N, C-alpha and C. Protein backbone atom coordinates (compact mmCIF):
# COMPACT_ATOMS: atom_id res chain seq x y z
N MET A 1 128.20 103.51 135.88
CA MET A 1 129.46 103.30 135.22
C MET A 1 130.51 103.13 136.33
N GLN A 2 131.50 102.28 136.10
CA GLN A 2 132.51 102.11 137.05
C GLN A 2 133.86 102.28 136.49
N THR A 3 134.63 103.00 137.04
CA THR A 3 135.98 103.23 136.52
C THR A 3 137.04 102.45 137.39
N CYS A 4 137.90 101.86 136.76
CA CYS A 4 138.88 100.98 137.32
C CYS A 4 140.28 101.38 136.77
N THR A 5 141.16 101.24 137.66
CA THR A 5 142.67 101.60 137.32
C THR A 5 143.12 100.40 136.35
N PRO A 6 144.11 100.47 135.50
CA PRO A 6 144.61 99.47 134.73
C PRO A 6 145.06 98.35 135.61
N GLY A 7 144.84 97.11 135.35
CA GLY A 7 145.09 96.04 136.27
C GLY A 7 144.03 95.51 137.21
N ARG A 8 143.04 96.48 137.34
CA ARG A 8 142.08 96.09 138.32
C ARG A 8 140.70 96.02 137.53
N TRP A 9 140.43 94.97 137.02
CA TRP A 9 139.44 94.76 136.19
C TRP A 9 138.13 94.31 137.01
N SER A 10 137.00 94.94 136.81
CA SER A 10 135.87 94.36 137.57
C SER A 10 135.34 93.21 136.85
N GLN A 11 135.08 92.24 137.59
CA GLN A 11 134.74 90.82 136.97
C GLN A 11 133.22 90.52 137.32
N ARG A 12 132.61 91.48 138.04
CA ARG A 12 131.19 91.24 138.49
C ARG A 12 130.31 91.39 137.26
N GLY A 13 129.05 90.58 137.50
CA GLY A 13 128.19 90.49 136.50
C GLY A 13 127.34 89.15 136.67
N LEU A 14 126.36 89.14 135.77
CA LEU A 14 125.52 87.80 135.80
C LEU A 14 126.38 86.63 135.34
N PRO A 15 126.18 85.29 135.84
CA PRO A 15 126.86 84.37 135.36
C PRO A 15 126.60 84.10 133.81
N GLY A 16 127.67 83.87 133.15
CA GLY A 16 127.48 83.75 131.75
C GLY A 16 127.45 84.86 130.94
N SER A 17 127.56 86.03 131.51
CA SER A 17 127.39 87.37 130.69
C SER A 17 128.88 87.71 130.40
N THR A 18 128.91 88.61 129.46
CA THR A 18 130.15 89.22 128.95
C THR A 18 130.19 90.64 129.56
N LEU A 19 131.41 91.11 130.03
CA LEU A 19 131.63 92.41 130.48
C LEU A 19 132.19 93.24 129.38
N ALA A 20 131.44 94.18 128.83
CA ALA A 20 131.99 95.01 127.78
C ALA A 20 132.81 96.13 128.47
N THR A 21 134.10 96.20 127.82
CA THR A 21 135.18 97.22 128.27
C THR A 21 135.62 97.85 127.25
N THR A 22 136.21 99.13 127.71
CA THR A 22 136.71 100.06 126.50
C THR A 22 137.98 100.60 127.08
N ARG A 23 138.85 100.55 126.42
CA ARG A 23 140.35 101.32 126.54
C ARG A 23 140.11 102.77 125.94
N PHE A 24 140.44 103.86 126.84
CA PHE A 24 140.29 105.16 126.37
C PHE A 24 141.76 105.58 125.99
N PRO A 25 141.81 106.72 125.10
CA PRO A 25 143.32 107.10 124.78
C PRO A 25 143.98 107.65 125.97
N ASP A 26 145.26 107.85 125.82
CA ASP A 26 146.16 108.29 127.03
C ASP A 26 145.60 109.61 127.60
N ARG A 27 144.90 110.39 126.95
CA ARG A 27 144.42 111.70 127.70
C ARG A 27 143.44 111.48 128.64
N TYR A 28 143.01 110.18 128.87
CA TYR A 28 142.33 109.94 130.04
C TYR A 28 143.05 109.12 131.20
N ARG A 29 144.43 109.25 130.91
CA ARG A 29 145.37 108.76 131.98
C ARG A 29 145.21 107.21 132.31
N GLY A 30 144.95 106.37 131.22
CA GLY A 30 144.99 105.07 131.42
C GLY A 30 143.82 104.52 132.10
N ALA A 31 142.62 105.27 132.31
CA ALA A 31 141.42 104.90 132.92
C ALA A 31 140.71 103.73 132.14
N VAL A 32 140.05 102.75 132.63
CA VAL A 32 139.39 101.62 131.86
C VAL A 32 138.00 101.85 132.53
N THR A 33 136.96 101.99 131.62
CA THR A 33 135.67 102.02 132.00
C THR A 33 134.93 100.83 131.62
N ALA A 34 134.34 100.21 132.73
CA ALA A 34 133.57 98.94 132.36
C ALA A 34 132.02 99.32 132.23
N PHE A 35 131.45 98.75 131.34
CA PHE A 35 129.91 99.00 131.19
C PHE A 35 129.15 97.84 131.82
N ALA A 36 127.88 98.13 132.06
CA ALA A 36 127.06 96.99 132.57
C ALA A 36 127.13 95.68 131.69
N PRO A 37 127.18 94.69 132.39
CA PRO A 37 127.19 93.38 131.67
C PRO A 37 125.84 93.11 130.69
N ARG A 38 126.12 92.75 129.53
CA ARG A 38 124.99 92.48 128.78
C ARG A 38 124.29 91.21 129.18
N GLN A 39 122.99 91.17 129.09
CA GLN A 39 122.25 90.05 129.39
C GLN A 39 122.54 88.79 128.40
N ALA A 40 122.45 87.59 128.81
CA ALA A 40 122.75 86.51 128.03
C ALA A 40 121.51 86.61 126.97
N VAL A 41 121.73 86.17 125.76
CA VAL A 41 120.71 86.05 124.65
C VAL A 41 120.00 84.75 124.91
N GLU A 42 118.74 84.93 125.04
CA GLU A 42 117.89 83.85 125.07
C GLU A 42 118.10 83.06 123.72
N PRO A 43 118.33 81.64 123.71
CA PRO A 43 118.45 80.98 122.56
C PRO A 43 117.16 80.89 121.66
N LEU A 44 117.32 80.66 120.39
CA LEU A 44 116.14 80.63 119.53
C LEU A 44 115.47 79.20 119.74
N HIS A 45 114.17 79.37 119.93
CA HIS A 45 113.45 78.11 120.18
C HIS A 45 113.51 77.08 118.98
N ARG A 46 113.73 75.61 119.18
CA ARG A 46 114.04 74.77 118.19
C ARG A 46 113.00 74.50 117.14
N GLN A 47 111.59 74.77 117.64
CA GLN A 47 110.54 74.73 116.71
C GLN A 47 110.59 75.82 115.70
N VAL A 48 111.08 76.95 116.09
CA VAL A 48 111.26 78.09 115.18
C VAL A 48 112.27 77.77 114.25
N LYS A 49 113.52 77.22 114.69
CA LYS A 49 114.45 76.80 113.86
C LYS A 49 113.90 75.89 112.61
N GLY A 50 113.16 74.88 113.12
CA GLY A 50 112.56 73.81 112.15
C GLY A 50 111.54 74.33 111.25
N LEU A 51 110.78 75.23 111.73
CA LEU A 51 109.81 75.85 110.86
C LEU A 51 110.45 76.80 109.88
N ALA A 52 111.47 77.49 110.29
CA ALA A 52 112.18 78.42 109.44
C ALA A 52 112.90 77.68 108.37
N GLY A 53 113.55 76.48 108.77
CA GLY A 53 114.12 75.52 107.77
C GLY A 53 113.13 75.10 106.82
N ALA A 54 111.96 74.50 107.17
CA ALA A 54 111.03 74.08 106.42
C ALA A 54 110.52 75.08 105.33
N GLY A 55 110.14 76.13 105.96
CA GLY A 55 109.66 77.46 105.12
C GLY A 55 110.83 77.71 103.96
N ALA A 56 111.96 77.88 104.28
CA ALA A 56 112.91 78.06 103.35
C ALA A 56 113.18 77.20 102.35
N GLY A 57 113.07 75.86 102.72
CA GLY A 57 113.16 74.72 101.81
C GLY A 57 111.94 74.71 100.92
N GLY A 58 110.74 75.02 101.46
CA GLY A 58 109.54 75.11 100.51
C GLY A 58 109.56 76.30 99.60
N VAL A 59 110.25 77.40 100.06
CA VAL A 59 110.35 78.52 99.06
C VAL A 59 111.33 78.11 97.95
N VAL A 60 112.35 77.51 98.32
CA VAL A 60 113.37 77.02 97.22
C VAL A 60 112.74 76.07 96.27
N LEU A 61 111.99 75.20 96.82
CA LEU A 61 111.35 74.03 96.10
C LEU A 61 110.35 74.70 95.10
N ALA A 62 109.66 75.69 95.69
CA ALA A 62 108.53 76.47 94.79
C ALA A 62 109.30 77.19 93.71
N THR A 63 110.31 77.80 93.97
CA THR A 63 111.13 78.54 92.88
C THR A 63 111.73 77.66 91.88
N VAL A 64 112.16 76.36 92.29
CA VAL A 64 112.75 75.60 91.31
C VAL A 64 111.52 75.04 90.49
N TYR A 65 110.49 74.83 90.99
CA TYR A 65 109.22 74.23 90.31
C TYR A 65 108.70 75.32 89.36
N GLN A 66 108.84 76.47 89.81
CA GLN A 66 108.29 77.54 88.94
C GLN A 66 109.26 77.82 87.76
N LEU A 67 110.52 77.99 88.13
CA LEU A 67 111.49 78.08 87.09
C LEU A 67 111.61 77.02 86.00
N SER A 68 111.35 75.86 86.39
CA SER A 68 111.48 74.63 85.44
C SER A 68 110.23 74.39 84.62
N GLY A 69 109.32 75.31 84.94
CA GLY A 69 107.95 75.19 84.38
C GLY A 69 107.17 74.02 84.75
N GLY A 70 107.25 73.47 85.92
CA GLY A 70 106.51 72.44 86.38
C GLY A 70 107.25 71.17 86.37
N ARG A 71 108.38 71.08 85.64
CA ARG A 71 109.09 69.67 85.37
C ARG A 71 109.82 69.00 86.56
N ILE A 72 110.28 70.09 87.48
CA ILE A 72 111.02 69.58 88.55
C ILE A 72 109.92 69.76 89.77
N GLY A 73 109.80 68.79 90.72
CA GLY A 73 109.16 68.79 91.82
C GLY A 73 109.19 67.54 92.65
N VAL A 74 108.56 67.56 93.73
CA VAL A 74 108.71 66.39 94.49
C VAL A 74 107.29 65.85 94.47
N PRO A 75 107.14 64.40 94.01
CA PRO A 75 105.87 63.80 93.89
C PRO A 75 105.39 63.41 95.30
N CYS A 76 104.14 63.39 95.46
CA CYS A 76 103.68 63.06 96.80
C CYS A 76 103.57 61.39 96.77
N PRO A 77 104.10 60.92 97.76
CA PRO A 77 104.00 59.37 97.83
C PRO A 77 102.71 58.86 98.01
N LEU A 78 101.75 59.44 98.70
CA LEU A 78 100.37 58.88 98.88
C LEU A 78 99.68 59.01 97.49
N HIS A 79 99.96 60.12 96.61
CA HIS A 79 99.25 60.27 95.47
C HIS A 79 99.88 59.22 94.45
N THR A 80 101.31 59.01 94.51
CA THR A 80 101.83 58.09 93.63
C THR A 80 101.21 56.63 93.75
N LEU A 81 101.12 56.26 95.00
CA LEU A 81 100.76 54.89 95.31
C LEU A 81 99.20 54.75 95.22
N THR A 82 98.37 55.60 95.74
CA THR A 82 96.98 55.36 95.72
C THR A 82 96.10 56.17 94.78
N GLY A 83 96.58 57.35 94.31
CA GLY A 83 95.96 58.15 93.38
C GLY A 83 95.07 59.29 94.19
N LEU A 84 95.29 59.09 95.43
CA LEU A 84 94.51 60.07 96.44
C LEU A 84 95.36 61.30 96.69
N ASP A 85 94.70 62.48 96.67
CA ASP A 85 95.36 63.59 97.16
C ASP A 85 95.57 63.77 98.71
N CYS A 86 96.81 63.82 99.26
CA CYS A 86 97.01 64.10 100.71
C CYS A 86 96.56 65.38 101.08
N PRO A 87 96.64 65.84 102.37
CA PRO A 87 96.10 67.21 102.77
C PRO A 87 97.17 68.30 102.24
N PHE A 88 98.34 67.66 102.07
CA PHE A 88 99.40 68.76 101.69
C PHE A 88 99.69 68.79 100.06
N CYS A 89 99.06 67.99 99.33
CA CYS A 89 99.14 67.88 97.89
C CYS A 89 98.86 69.25 97.39
N GLY A 90 99.62 69.74 96.39
CA GLY A 90 99.36 70.98 95.87
C GLY A 90 100.10 72.23 96.53
N SER A 91 100.76 71.88 97.57
CA SER A 91 101.50 72.90 98.28
C SER A 91 102.46 73.55 97.51
N THR A 92 103.33 72.76 96.94
CA THR A 92 104.34 73.33 96.06
C THR A 92 103.74 74.15 94.85
N ARG A 93 102.69 73.67 94.31
CA ARG A 93 101.99 74.31 93.15
C ARG A 93 101.44 75.63 93.77
N MET A 94 101.00 75.52 94.98
CA MET A 94 100.32 76.68 95.54
C MET A 94 101.38 77.84 95.81
N ALA A 95 102.60 77.54 96.31
CA ALA A 95 103.59 78.23 96.39
C ALA A 95 104.15 78.86 95.26
N ALA A 96 104.20 78.02 94.21
CA ALA A 96 104.69 78.64 92.97
C ALA A 96 103.71 79.50 92.26
N ALA A 97 102.29 79.40 92.51
CA ALA A 97 101.43 80.25 91.99
C ALA A 97 101.61 81.61 92.89
N LEU A 98 101.86 81.58 93.99
CA LEU A 98 102.03 82.80 94.85
C LEU A 98 103.17 83.60 94.29
N LEU A 99 104.25 82.70 93.98
CA LEU A 99 105.43 83.52 93.44
C LEU A 99 105.10 84.27 92.00
N ARG A 100 104.20 83.58 91.27
CA ARG A 100 103.73 84.37 90.12
C ARG A 100 102.76 85.46 90.40
N GLY A 101 102.11 85.50 91.69
CA GLY A 101 101.17 86.44 92.05
C GLY A 101 99.78 85.95 91.66
N ASP A 102 99.53 84.75 91.60
CA ASP A 102 98.27 84.17 90.98
C ASP A 102 97.51 83.70 92.35
N LEU A 103 96.81 84.60 93.08
CA LEU A 103 96.22 84.05 94.23
C LEU A 103 95.09 83.15 94.00
N HIS A 104 94.46 83.46 92.85
CA HIS A 104 93.15 82.35 92.61
C HIS A 104 93.65 80.99 92.52
N ALA A 105 94.74 80.96 91.73
CA ALA A 105 95.25 79.54 91.50
C ALA A 105 95.73 78.86 92.83
N ALA A 106 96.47 79.68 93.63
CA ALA A 106 96.97 79.23 94.78
C ALA A 106 95.93 78.72 95.69
N TRP A 107 94.67 79.40 95.73
CA TRP A 107 93.75 79.03 96.54
C TRP A 107 93.10 77.62 96.13
N GLY A 108 93.08 77.48 94.89
CA GLY A 108 92.53 76.15 94.27
C GLY A 108 93.47 75.08 94.50
N PHE A 109 94.81 75.20 94.52
CA PHE A 109 95.82 74.09 94.68
C PHE A 109 95.60 73.63 96.25
N ASN A 110 95.65 74.63 97.21
CA ASN A 110 95.70 74.10 98.71
C ASN A 110 95.34 75.25 99.54
N ALA A 111 93.97 75.49 99.81
CA ALA A 111 93.51 76.61 100.45
C ALA A 111 93.81 76.62 101.91
N PRO A 112 93.80 75.37 102.67
CA PRO A 112 94.23 75.49 104.09
C PRO A 112 95.63 76.02 104.25
N MET A 113 96.65 75.60 103.43
CA MET A 113 97.99 75.92 103.64
C MET A 113 98.20 77.42 103.16
N LEU A 114 97.21 77.87 102.26
CA LEU A 114 97.51 79.21 101.91
C LEU A 114 96.97 80.17 103.13
N ILE A 115 96.12 79.56 104.02
CA ILE A 115 95.80 80.45 105.18
C ILE A 115 96.90 80.21 106.38
N ILE A 116 97.32 78.97 106.40
CA ILE A 116 98.07 78.62 107.62
C ILE A 116 99.68 79.10 107.29
N GLY A 117 100.02 79.15 106.08
CA GLY A 117 101.28 79.36 105.70
C GLY A 117 101.79 80.80 106.10
N PRO A 118 101.14 81.86 105.68
CA PRO A 118 101.40 83.15 106.18
C PRO A 118 101.50 83.37 107.63
N LEU A 119 100.50 82.75 108.36
CA LEU A 119 100.33 83.03 109.65
C LEU A 119 101.76 82.51 110.47
N VAL A 120 102.00 81.20 110.00
CA VAL A 120 103.29 80.56 110.68
C VAL A 120 104.37 81.44 110.10
N SER A 121 104.43 81.93 108.81
CA SER A 121 105.54 82.77 108.38
C SER A 121 105.64 84.08 109.25
N LEU A 122 104.72 84.59 109.58
CA LEU A 122 104.63 85.96 110.54
C LEU A 122 105.24 85.54 111.89
N PHE A 123 104.81 84.51 112.33
CA PHE A 123 105.16 84.04 113.73
C PHE A 123 106.63 83.71 113.75
N VAL A 124 107.15 83.04 112.67
CA VAL A 124 108.53 82.64 112.82
C VAL A 124 109.34 83.88 112.37
N GLY A 125 108.80 84.64 111.36
CA GLY A 125 109.68 85.94 111.13
C GLY A 125 109.83 86.80 112.40
N TYR A 126 108.79 86.94 113.16
CA TYR A 126 108.75 87.80 114.46
C TYR A 126 109.99 87.34 115.28
N HIS A 127 109.81 86.09 115.55
CA HIS A 127 110.87 85.41 116.47
C HIS A 127 112.28 85.51 115.93
N LEU A 128 112.39 85.33 114.62
CA LEU A 128 113.81 85.51 114.15
C LEU A 128 114.38 87.03 114.14
N VAL A 129 113.45 87.86 113.87
CA VAL A 129 113.76 89.37 113.89
C VAL A 129 114.05 89.69 115.49
N ALA A 130 113.29 89.39 116.42
CA ALA A 130 113.40 89.59 117.75
C ALA A 130 114.62 88.96 118.20
N TRP A 131 115.05 87.65 118.03
CA TRP A 131 116.31 87.03 118.21
C TRP A 131 117.53 87.72 117.70
N LEU A 132 117.40 88.17 116.42
CA LEU A 132 118.60 88.86 115.85
C LEU A 132 118.75 90.20 116.34
N LEU A 133 117.70 91.07 116.83
CA LEU A 133 117.94 92.17 117.34
C LEU A 133 118.46 92.07 118.78
N GLU A 134 118.13 91.05 119.49
CA GLU A 134 118.59 90.77 120.78
C GLU A 134 120.08 90.53 120.72
N ARG A 135 120.44 89.58 119.69
CA ARG A 135 121.90 89.31 119.57
C ARG A 135 122.70 90.53 119.19
N ALA A 136 122.21 91.37 118.42
CA ALA A 136 122.93 92.51 117.96
C ALA A 136 123.07 93.58 119.02
N GLY A 137 122.23 93.37 120.20
CA GLY A 137 122.17 94.29 121.24
C GLY A 137 121.44 95.63 121.09
N ARG A 138 120.59 95.42 120.07
CA ARG A 138 119.69 96.75 119.72
C ARG A 138 118.51 96.79 120.48
N ALA A 139 117.77 95.55 120.60
CA ALA A 139 116.48 95.71 121.50
C ALA A 139 116.16 94.26 121.96
N ARG A 140 115.48 94.28 123.06
CA ARG A 140 114.93 92.99 123.51
C ARG A 140 113.38 93.03 123.52
N LEU A 141 112.98 92.40 122.45
CA LEU A 141 111.54 92.13 122.21
C LEU A 141 111.06 90.86 122.96
N PRO A 142 109.74 90.92 123.44
CA PRO A 142 109.25 89.83 124.03
C PRO A 142 109.12 88.66 122.85
N ARG A 143 109.37 87.51 123.30
CA ARG A 143 109.14 86.34 122.39
C ARG A 143 108.16 85.40 122.89
N PRO A 144 106.79 85.69 122.89
CA PRO A 144 105.87 84.75 123.37
C PRO A 144 106.07 83.42 122.85
N TRP A 145 105.68 82.35 123.53
CA TRP A 145 105.48 81.05 123.12
C TRP A 145 104.48 80.34 123.81
N PRO A 146 103.69 79.58 123.04
CA PRO A 146 102.45 78.98 123.80
C PRO A 146 102.78 77.99 124.87
N SER A 147 101.99 77.77 125.78
CA SER A 147 102.23 76.74 126.77
C SER A 147 102.40 75.47 126.14
N SER A 148 103.13 74.40 126.64
CA SER A 148 103.29 73.11 126.15
C SER A 148 101.77 72.49 125.95
N ARG A 149 100.76 72.72 126.79
CA ARG A 149 99.45 72.41 126.86
C ARG A 149 98.74 72.84 125.43
N LEU A 150 98.85 74.29 125.41
CA LEU A 150 98.32 74.88 124.12
C LEU A 150 98.94 74.41 122.84
N GLU A 151 100.25 74.25 122.92
CA GLU A 151 101.01 73.96 121.83
C GLU A 151 100.55 72.50 121.35
N SER A 152 100.40 71.42 122.29
CA SER A 152 99.94 70.04 121.84
C SER A 152 98.51 70.24 121.27
N ARG A 153 97.56 71.10 121.96
CA ARG A 153 96.28 71.17 121.32
C ARG A 153 96.20 71.87 120.01
N LEU A 154 97.07 72.89 119.72
CA LEU A 154 97.15 73.41 118.32
C LEU A 154 97.74 72.42 117.40
N THR A 155 98.56 71.56 117.81
CA THR A 155 99.07 70.55 116.79
C THR A 155 97.93 69.44 116.44
N ILE A 156 97.16 69.20 117.63
CA ILE A 156 96.21 68.21 117.31
C ILE A 156 95.04 68.74 116.42
N VAL A 157 94.68 70.08 116.62
CA VAL A 157 93.60 70.60 115.92
C VAL A 157 94.11 70.78 114.36
N PHE A 158 95.29 71.22 114.22
CA PHE A 158 95.97 71.23 112.81
C PHE A 158 95.80 69.99 112.18
N MET A 159 96.42 68.93 112.97
CA MET A 159 96.41 67.58 112.19
C MET A 159 94.95 67.09 111.91
N ALA A 160 94.03 67.38 112.83
CA ALA A 160 92.57 66.90 112.64
C ALA A 160 92.02 67.57 111.64
N GLY A 161 92.34 68.95 111.42
CA GLY A 161 91.62 69.84 110.41
C GLY A 161 92.39 69.43 109.02
N MET A 162 93.58 69.35 108.96
CA MET A 162 94.15 68.68 107.69
C MET A 162 93.67 67.29 107.28
N ALA A 163 93.45 66.48 108.17
CA ALA A 163 93.07 65.05 107.87
C ALA A 163 91.49 65.16 107.36
N VAL A 164 90.66 66.12 107.95
CA VAL A 164 89.24 66.30 107.34
C VAL A 164 89.25 66.92 106.02
N PHE A 165 90.36 67.96 105.89
CA PHE A 165 90.44 68.46 104.56
C PHE A 165 90.87 67.33 103.46
N GLY A 166 91.78 66.48 103.92
CA GLY A 166 92.18 65.35 102.92
C GLY A 166 91.20 64.55 102.54
N VAL A 167 90.16 64.22 103.64
CA VAL A 167 89.25 63.20 103.17
C VAL A 167 88.20 63.99 102.24
N LEU A 168 87.88 65.30 102.57
CA LEU A 168 86.77 66.08 101.73
C LEU A 168 87.46 66.31 100.41
N ARG A 169 88.63 66.62 100.32
CA ARG A 169 89.10 66.75 98.90
C ARG A 169 89.26 65.49 97.89
N ASN A 170 88.93 64.42 98.61
CA ASN A 170 88.97 63.11 97.77
C ASN A 170 87.54 62.75 97.52
N LEU A 171 86.49 63.31 98.02
CA LEU A 171 85.17 62.82 97.80
C LEU A 171 84.70 63.08 96.41
């Protein structure tokens, strides 16, 4: 802790950091105490923001679908044009079934998304909570992120798996 007389403020700290200062009542004779600078908050990864937005949109869409009794929904362009089910067909119905608590029906609508959705939700939720705690100055949790090589491989495996599922579900 560093004590400075009024007018002599310590501006030392990390570049881009804020220096938290507190003025005490007169009984401390005008002393100003400067605390250690807070570390800059690491920004939230843009893919986490995108996944969180897509997840929130999906929950809203599933809720509207459920509340309307299935009358309001987004039709699949591939299914509308060709009559074939795409790998993501049934995701809205799956989420609506989950909102009802019907796990069996959700599995029947789109099983891969029923497995992948909660895993992605846990990953995104952890990153959001860690970021919020860091912003509030409560805790600094590790926010692991896969390397770009692993990230690209996971994307390829996901897309290939969904393509195989799309073909198999139309046989």
